[in-house]
C-alpha atoms as a PDB file:
ATOM      1  CA  MET A   1     -41.805  98.732 -87.033  1.00  0.00           C
ATOM      2  CA  SER A   2     -38.208  97.592 -87.221  1.00  0.00           C
ATOM      3  CA  LEU A   3     -35.374  98.938 -85.102  1.00  0.00           C
ATOM      4  CA  ASN A   4     -33.695 100.047 -88.316  1.00  0.00           C
ATOM      5  CA  GLN A   5     -36.705 102.215 -89.267  1.00  0.00           C
ATOM      6  CA  PHE A   6     -36.595 103.796 -85.817  1.00  0.00           C
ATOM      7  CA  TRP A   7     -32.882 104.657 -86.031  1.00  0.00           C
ATOM      8  CA  ILE A   8     -33.207 105.968 -89.587  1.00  0.00           C
ATOM      9  CA  SER A   9     -35.859 108.364 -88.255  1.00  0.00           C
ATOM     10  CA  PHE A  10     -34.203 109.040 -84.883  1.00  0.00           C
ATOM     11  CA  VAL A  11     -30.820 110.307 -86.109  1.00  0.00           C
ATOM     12  CA  PRO A  12     -32.051 113.073 -88.469  1.00  0.00           C
ATOM     13  CA  LEU A  13     -34.567 114.211 -85.839  1.00  0.00           C
ATOM     14  CA  PHE A  14     -31.833 114.203 -83.164  1.00  0.00           C
ATOM     15  CA  ILE A  15     -29.845 116.568 -85.361  1.00  0.00           C
ATOM     16  CA  ALA A  16     -32.903 118.720 -86.176  1.00  0.00           C
ATOM     17  CA  VAL A  17     -34.075 119.030 -82.538  1.00  0.00           C
ATOM     18  CA  ASP A  18     -30.479 119.709 -81.367  1.00  0.00           C
ATOM     19  CA  ALA A  19     -31.279 119.611 -77.635  1.00  0.00           C
ATOM     20  CA  ILE A  20     -27.702 120.459 -76.604  1.00  0.00           C
ATOM     21  CA  GLY A  21     -27.494 123.275 -79.148  1.00  0.00           C
ATOM     22  CA  ILE A  22     -30.682 124.944 -77.930  1.00  0.00           C
ATOM     23  CA  LEU A  23     -29.777 124.578 -74.239  1.00  0.00           C
ATOM     24  CA  PRO A  24     -28.126 128.043 -74.103  1.00  0.00           C
ATOM     25  CA  LEU A  25     -31.302 129.509 -75.590  1.00  0.00           C
ATOM     26  CA  PHE A  26     -33.379 127.688 -72.981  1.00  0.00           C
ATOM     27  CA  LEU A  27     -31.088 129.092 -70.279  1.00  0.00           C
ATOM     28  CA  SER A  28     -31.515 132.545 -71.782  1.00  0.00           C
ATOM     29  CA  PHE A  29     -35.310 132.372 -71.819  1.00  0.00           C
ATOM     30  CA  THR A  30     -35.572 130.924 -68.310  1.00  0.00           C
ATOM     31  CA  GLU A  31     -32.956 133.147 -66.682  1.00  0.00           C
ATOM     32  CA  GLY A  32     -34.200 134.534 -63.387  1.00  0.00           C
ATOM     33  CA  ILE A  33     -37.032 132.086 -62.726  1.00  0.00           C
ATOM     34  CA  ASP A  34     -37.052 129.576 -59.894  1.00  0.00           C
ATOM     35  CA  ASP A  35     -36.739 125.793 -60.271  1.00  0.00           C
ATOM     36  CA  LYS A  36     -40.458 125.166 -59.799  1.00  0.00           C
ATOM     37  CA  GLN A  37     -41.374 127.607 -62.576  1.00  0.00           C
ATOM     38  CA  ARG A  38     -38.571 126.249 -64.777  1.00  0.00           C
ATOM     39  CA  ASN A  39     -39.939 122.711 -64.387  1.00  0.00           C
ATOM     40  CA  ARG A  40     -43.417 123.934 -65.388  1.00  0.00           C
ATOM     41  CA  VAL A  41     -41.898 125.652 -68.428  1.00  0.00           C
ATOM     42  CA  ILE A  42     -40.099 122.416 -69.352  1.00  0.00           C
ATOM     43  CA  LEU A  43     -43.276 120.347 -69.035  1.00  0.00           C
ATOM     44  CA  SER A  44     -45.404 122.759 -71.061  1.00  0.00           C
ATOM     45  CA  SER A  45     -42.717 123.080 -73.756  1.00  0.00           C
ATOM     46  CA  ILE A  46     -42.417 119.292 -74.081  1.00  0.00           C
ATOM     47  CA  ILE A  47     -46.196 118.818 -74.236  1.00  0.00           C
ATOM     48  CA  THR A  48     -46.565 121.607 -76.811  1.00  0.00           C
ATOM     49  CA  ALA A  49     -43.684 120.342 -78.952  1.00  0.00           C
ATOM     50  CA  THR A  50     -45.062 116.785 -78.896  1.00  0.00           C
ATOM     51  CA  ILE A  51     -48.613 117.814 -79.816  1.00  0.00           C
ATOM     52  CA  VAL A  52     -47.485 120.157 -82.600  1.00  0.00           C
ATOM     53  CA  GLY A  53     -45.008 117.589 -83.948  1.00  0.00           C
ATOM     54  CA  LEU A  54     -47.561 114.763 -83.980  1.00  0.00           C
ATOM     55  CA  LEU A  55     -50.255 116.943 -85.539  1.00  0.00           C
ATOM     56  CA  PHE A  56     -47.857 118.115 -88.218  1.00  0.00           C
ATOM     57  CA  LEU A  57     -46.641 114.572 -88.886  1.00  0.00           C
ATOM     58  CA  PHE A  58     -50.140 113.180 -89.369  1.00  0.00           C
ATOM     59  CA  VAL A  59     -52.049 116.081 -90.982  1.00  0.00           C
ATOM     60  CA  GLY A  60     -49.509 118.826 -91.682  1.00  0.00           C
ATOM     61  CA  GLU A  61     -48.828 118.097 -95.308  1.00  0.00           C
ATOM     62  CA  VAL A  62     -52.542 118.058 -96.147  1.00  0.00           C
ATOM     63  CA  VAL A  63     -53.172 121.308 -94.257  1.00  0.00           C
ATOM     64  CA  LEU A  64     -50.193 123.023 -95.885  1.00  0.00           C
ATOM     65  CA  ARG A  65     -51.375 121.965 -99.326  1.00  0.00           C
ATOM     66  CA  LEU A  66     -54.926 123.170 -98.615  1.00  0.00           C
ATOM     67  CA  LEU A  67     -53.658 126.547 -97.403  1.00  0.00           C
ATOM     68  CA  GLY A  68     -51.037 126.897-100.120  1.00  0.00           C
ATOM     69  CA  ILE A  69     -48.259 127.212 -97.518  1.00  0.00           C
ATOM     70  CA  THR A  70     -44.785 125.967 -98.374  1.00  0.00           C
ATOM     71  CA  VAL A  71     -41.875 124.887 -96.191  1.00  0.00           C
ATOM     72  CA  GLU A  72     -40.156 128.096 -97.277  1.00  0.00           C
ATOM     73  CA  ASP A  73     -43.079 130.099 -95.868  1.00  0.00           C
ATOM     74  CA  PHE A  74     -42.588 128.266 -92.561  1.00  0.00           C
ATOM     75  CA  MET A  75     -38.880 129.057 -92.547  1.00  0.00           C
ATOM     76  CA  ILE A  76     -39.442 132.756 -93.217  1.00  0.00           C
ATOM     77  CA  ALA A  77     -42.173 133.117 -90.582  1.00  0.00           C
ATOM     78  CA  GLY A  78     -40.222 131.104 -87.990  1.00  0.00           C
ATOM     79  CA  GLY A  79     -37.073 133.091 -88.706  1.00  0.00           C
ATOM     80  CA  ILE A  80     -38.844 136.427 -88.263  1.00  0.00           C
ATOM     81  CA  ILE A  81     -40.375 135.314 -84.954  1.00  0.00           C
ATOM     82  CA  LEU A  82     -37.033 134.035 -83.627  1.00  0.00           C
ATOM     83  CA  PHE A  83     -35.282 137.218 -84.745  1.00  0.00           C
ATOM     84  CA  LEU A  84     -37.767 139.451 -82.930  1.00  0.00           C
ATOM     85  CA  ILE A  85     -37.468 137.365 -79.755  1.00  0.00           C
ATOM     86  CA  SER A  86     -33.662 137.373 -79.826  1.00  0.00           C
ATOM     87  CA  VAL A  87     -33.298 141.095 -80.531  1.00  0.00           C
ATOM     88  CA  GLY A  88     -35.814 141.870 -77.796  1.00  0.00           C
ATOM     89  CA  ASP A  89     -33.773 139.851 -75.307  1.00  0.00           C
ATOM     90  CA  LEU A  90     -30.477 141.370 -76.472  1.00  0.00           C
ATOM     91  CA  VAL A  91     -31.522 144.986 -76.012  1.00  0.00           C
ATOM     92  CA  THR A  92     -33.830 144.657 -73.015  1.00  0.00           C
ATOM     93  CA  VAL A  93     -32.518 145.721 -69.641  1.00  0.00           C
ATOM     94  CA  GLU A  94     -32.820 142.901 -67.133  1.00  0.00           C
ATOM     95  CA  LYS A  95     -36.185 142.797 -65.448  1.00  0.00           C
ATOM     96  CA  PRO A  96     -37.664 139.922 -63.489  1.00  0.00           C
ATOM     97  CA  LEU A  97     -40.256 137.817 -65.252  1.00  0.00           C
ATOM     98  CA  ARG A  98     -43.720 137.838 -63.800  1.00  0.00           C
ATOM     99  CA  ARG A  99     -45.086 134.417 -62.933  1.00  0.00           C
ATOM    100  CA  ASP A 100     -47.553 134.454 -65.864  1.00  0.00           C
ATOM    101  CA  GLN A 101     -44.804 135.514 -68.294  1.00  0.00           C
ATOM    102  CA  ALA A 102     -42.524 132.694 -67.156  1.00  0.00           C
ATOM    103  CA  GLU A 103     -45.221 130.070 -67.596  1.00  0.00           C
ATOM    104  CA  SER A 104     -46.066 131.268 -71.116  1.00  0.00           C
ATOM    105  CA  LEU A 105     -42.460 130.607 -72.235  1.00  0.00           C
ATOM    106  CA  GLY A 106     -43.100 126.852 -72.454  1.00  0.00           C
ATOM    107  CA  PRO A 107     -45.443 126.716 -75.432  1.00  0.00           C
ATOM    108  CA  VAL A 108     -43.892 129.673 -77.308  1.00  0.00           C
ATOM    109  CA  PRO A 109     -40.991 130.197 -77.933  1.00  0.00           C
ATOM    110  CA  ILE A 110     -39.462 127.088 -76.310  1.00  0.00           C
ATOM    111  CA  GLY A 111     -41.919 124.359 -77.407  1.00  0.00           C
ATOM    112  CA  VAL A 112     -42.430 125.965 -80.807  1.00  0.00           C
ATOM    113  CA  PRO A 113     -40.295 127.098 -82.638  1.00  0.00           C
ATOM    114  CA  LEU A 114     -37.161 126.161 -80.606  1.00  0.00           C
ATOM    115  CA  ILE A 115     -37.789 122.443 -80.002  1.00  0.00           C
ATOM    116  CA  VAL A 116     -40.168 121.889 -82.908  1.00  0.00           C
ATOM    117  CA  GLY A 117     -39.408 124.505 -85.521  1.00  0.00           C
ATOM    118  CA  PRO A 118     -39.299 124.549 -89.308  1.00  0.00           C
ATOM    119  CA  ALA A 119     -36.299 122.173 -89.471  1.00  0.00           C
ATOM    120  CA  VAL A 120     -38.038 119.544 -87.323  1.00  0.00           C
ATOM    121  CA  LEU A 121     -41.366 119.974 -89.124  1.00  0.00           C
ATOM    122  CA  THR A 122     -39.725 119.583 -92.524  1.00  0.00           C
ATOM    123  CA  THR A 123     -37.751 116.556 -91.319  1.00  0.00           C
ATOM    124  CA  LEU A 124     -40.933 114.995 -89.911  1.00  0.00           C
ATOM    125  CA  MET A 125     -42.718 115.402 -93.216  1.00  0.00           C
ATOM    126  CA  LEU A 126     -39.882 113.815 -95.189  1.00  0.00           C
ATOM    127  CA  LEU A 127     -39.281 110.953 -92.728  1.00  0.00           C
ATOM    128  CA  GLY A 128     -42.999 110.219 -92.400  1.00  0.00           C
ATOM    129  CA  ARG A 129     -43.182 109.677 -96.153  1.00  0.00           C
ATOM    130  CA  LYS A 130     -39.977 107.640 -96.321  1.00  0.00           C
ATOM    131  CA  ASN A 131     -39.991 105.533 -93.114  1.00  0.00           C
ATOM    132  CA  GLY A 132     -43.643 105.498 -92.112  1.00  0.00           C
ATOM    133  CA  LEU A 133     -45.647 107.534 -89.636  1.00  0.00           C
ATOM    134  CA  PHE A 134     -45.311 105.263 -86.585  1.00  0.00           C
ATOM    135  CA  PRO A 135     -41.485 104.905 -86.522  1.00  0.00           C
ATOM    136  CA  THR A 136     -41.156 108.634 -87.185  1.00  0.00           C
ATOM    137  CA  ALA A 137     -43.603 109.483 -84.378  1.00  0.00           C
ATOM    138  CA  ILE A 138     -41.714 107.269 -81.882  1.00  0.00           C
ATOM    139  CA  ALA A 139     -38.383 108.811 -82.951  1.00  0.00           C
ATOM    140  CA  MET A 140     -39.800 112.323 -82.570  1.00  0.00           C
ATOM    141  CA  VAL A 141     -41.238 111.670 -79.102  1.00  0.00           C
ATOM    142  CA  SER A 142     -37.891 110.133 -78.045  1.00  0.00           C
ATOM    143  CA  ASN A 143     -35.990 113.215 -79.191  1.00  0.00           C
ATOM    144  CA  ILE A 144     -38.386 115.588 -77.461  1.00  0.00           C
ATOM    145  CA  ALA A 145     -37.981 113.541 -74.255  1.00  0.00           C
ATOM    146  CA  ILE A 146     -34.194 113.902 -74.575  1.00  0.00           C
ATOM    147  CA  ALA A 147     -34.638 117.680 -74.909  1.00  0.00           C
ATOM    148  CA  GLY A 148     -36.758 117.654 -71.744  1.00  0.00           C
ATOM    149  CA  ILE A 149     -34.070 115.762 -69.821  1.00  0.00           C
ATOM    150  CA  VAL A 150     -31.378 118.182 -71.030  1.00  0.00           C
ATOM    151  CA  PHE A 151     -33.544 121.142 -69.975  1.00  0.00           C
ATOM    152  CA  TYR A 152     -34.294 119.537 -66.616  1.00  0.00           C
ATOM    153  CA  LEU A 153     -30.552 119.227 -65.942  1.00  0.00           C
ATOM    154  CA  SER A 154     -30.084 122.919 -66.784  1.00  0.00           C
ATOM    155  CA  GLY A 155     -30.627 123.829 -63.108  1.00  0.00           C
ATOM    156  CA  SER A 156     -27.362 122.080 -62.247  1.00  0.00           C
ATOM    157  CA  ILE A 157     -25.648 123.951 -65.052  1.00  0.00           C
ATOM    158  CA  ILE A 158     -26.894 127.292 -63.699  1.00  0.00           C
ATOM    159  CA  LYS A 159     -25.595 126.420 -60.225  1.00  0.00           C
ATOM    160  CA  LEU A 160     -22.231 125.568 -61.780  1.00  0.00           C
ATOM    161  CA  ILE A 161     -21.800 128.724 -63.891  1.00  0.00           C
ATOM    162  CA  GLY A 162     -23.553 131.203 -61.568  1.00  0.00           C
ATOM    163  CA  ASN A 163     -25.698 134.234 -62.393  1.00  0.00           C
ATOM    164  CA  SER A 164     -22.962 136.133 -64.236  1.00  0.00           C
ATOM    165  CA  GLY A 165     -22.131 133.126 -66.373  1.00  0.00           C
ATOM    166  CA  SER A 166     -25.814 132.623 -67.080  1.00  0.00           C
ATOM    167  CA  LYS A 167     -26.196 136.247 -68.224  1.00  0.00           C
ATOM    168  CA  ILE A 168     -23.154 135.990 -70.490  1.00  0.00           C
ATOM    169  CA  ILE A 169     -24.444 132.755 -72.045  1.00  0.00           C
ATOM    170  CA  SER A 170     -27.873 134.369 -72.394  1.00  0.00           C
ATOM    171  CA  LYS A 171     -26.571 137.321 -74.422  1.00  0.00           C
ATOM    172  CA  ILE A 172     -24.299 135.159 -76.590  1.00  0.00           C
ATOM    173  CA  ALA A 173     -27.137 132.676 -77.186  1.00  0.00           C
ATOM    174  CA  ASN A 174     -29.459 135.477 -78.263  1.00  0.00           C
ATOM    175  CA  LEU A 175     -26.851 136.727 -80.706  1.00  0.00           C
ATOM    176  CA  PHE A 176     -26.613 133.214 -82.171  1.00  0.00           C
ATOM    177  CA  LEU A 177     -30.405 132.962 -82.190  1.00  0.00           C
ATOM    178  CA  ALA A 178     -30.593 136.172 -84.223  1.00  0.00           C
ATOM    179  CA  ALA A 179     -28.054 134.729 -86.680  1.00  0.00           C
ATOM    180  CA  ILE A 180     -30.001 131.445 -86.908  1.00  0.00           C
ATOM    181  CA  ALA A 181     -33.179 133.445 -87.520  1.00  0.00           C
ATOM    182  CA  VAL A 182     -31.537 135.388 -90.356  1.00  0.00           C
ATOM    183  CA  MET A 183     -30.282 132.087 -91.833  1.00  0.00           C
ATOM    184  CA  MET A 184     -33.824 130.643 -91.706  1.00  0.00           C
ATOM    185  CA  VAL A 185     -35.238 133.695 -93.484  1.00  0.00           C
ATOM    186  CA  ARG A 186     -32.407 133.601 -96.056  1.00  0.00           C
ATOM    187  CA  LYS A 187     -32.969 129.888 -96.780  1.00  0.00           C
ATOM    188  CA  GLY A 188     -36.706 130.418 -96.973  1.00  0.00           C
ATOM    189  CA  LEU A 189     -36.288 133.345 -99.365  1.00  0.00           C
ATOM    190  CA  SER A 190     -33.740 131.527-101.533  1.00  0.00           C
ATOM    191  CA  GLY A 191     -36.047 128.504-101.748  1.00  0.00           C
ATOM    192  CA  PHE A 192     -38.979 130.787-102.489  1.00  0.00           C
ATOM    193  CA  LEU A 193     -37.134 132.823-105.136  1.00  0.00           C
ATOM    194  CA  GLY A 194     -35.516 129.732-106.640  1.00  0.00           C
ATOM    195  CA  ALA A 195     -38.904 128.035-107.154  1.00  0.00           C
END
């Protein structure tokens, strides 16, 4: 593996993962939980994202072909899930998360589809073909680690902006998440109808 192969895989995955861009969504989902729970959510989201990403990189294309599932199908399904999550958070009156609810945030929706969603999965498939599986896997793991570091530092951000600021960011982020979800469904449908 050359350094060039790594960087050619790293940059598109950095853009697809978009750790800074999804930070407000992470803050929204983890609002109201303590640091210990937040750290568990971060760890479980990183582990889930890594496992799903690696599995998809190495066997995803074969499985999709066997099941007759397209990338567009992934985009539509992921978009619907994100939309339901975001609308639920937008209209729900604030209520504290139970411990078991907080811990289940890591795998879904933070690990998948926020960190590793349709954009990352599609990028992995394309880069794996073009640059090789190993450089793409290393680039993916590096980007997921960066997302984990950004999430870990979110506690400092919450202390800086306070509870009111966190709630404002949470609602705005959920509005953007709903828009992103609609965009994913639209792109999936246009790809599906255009085929």
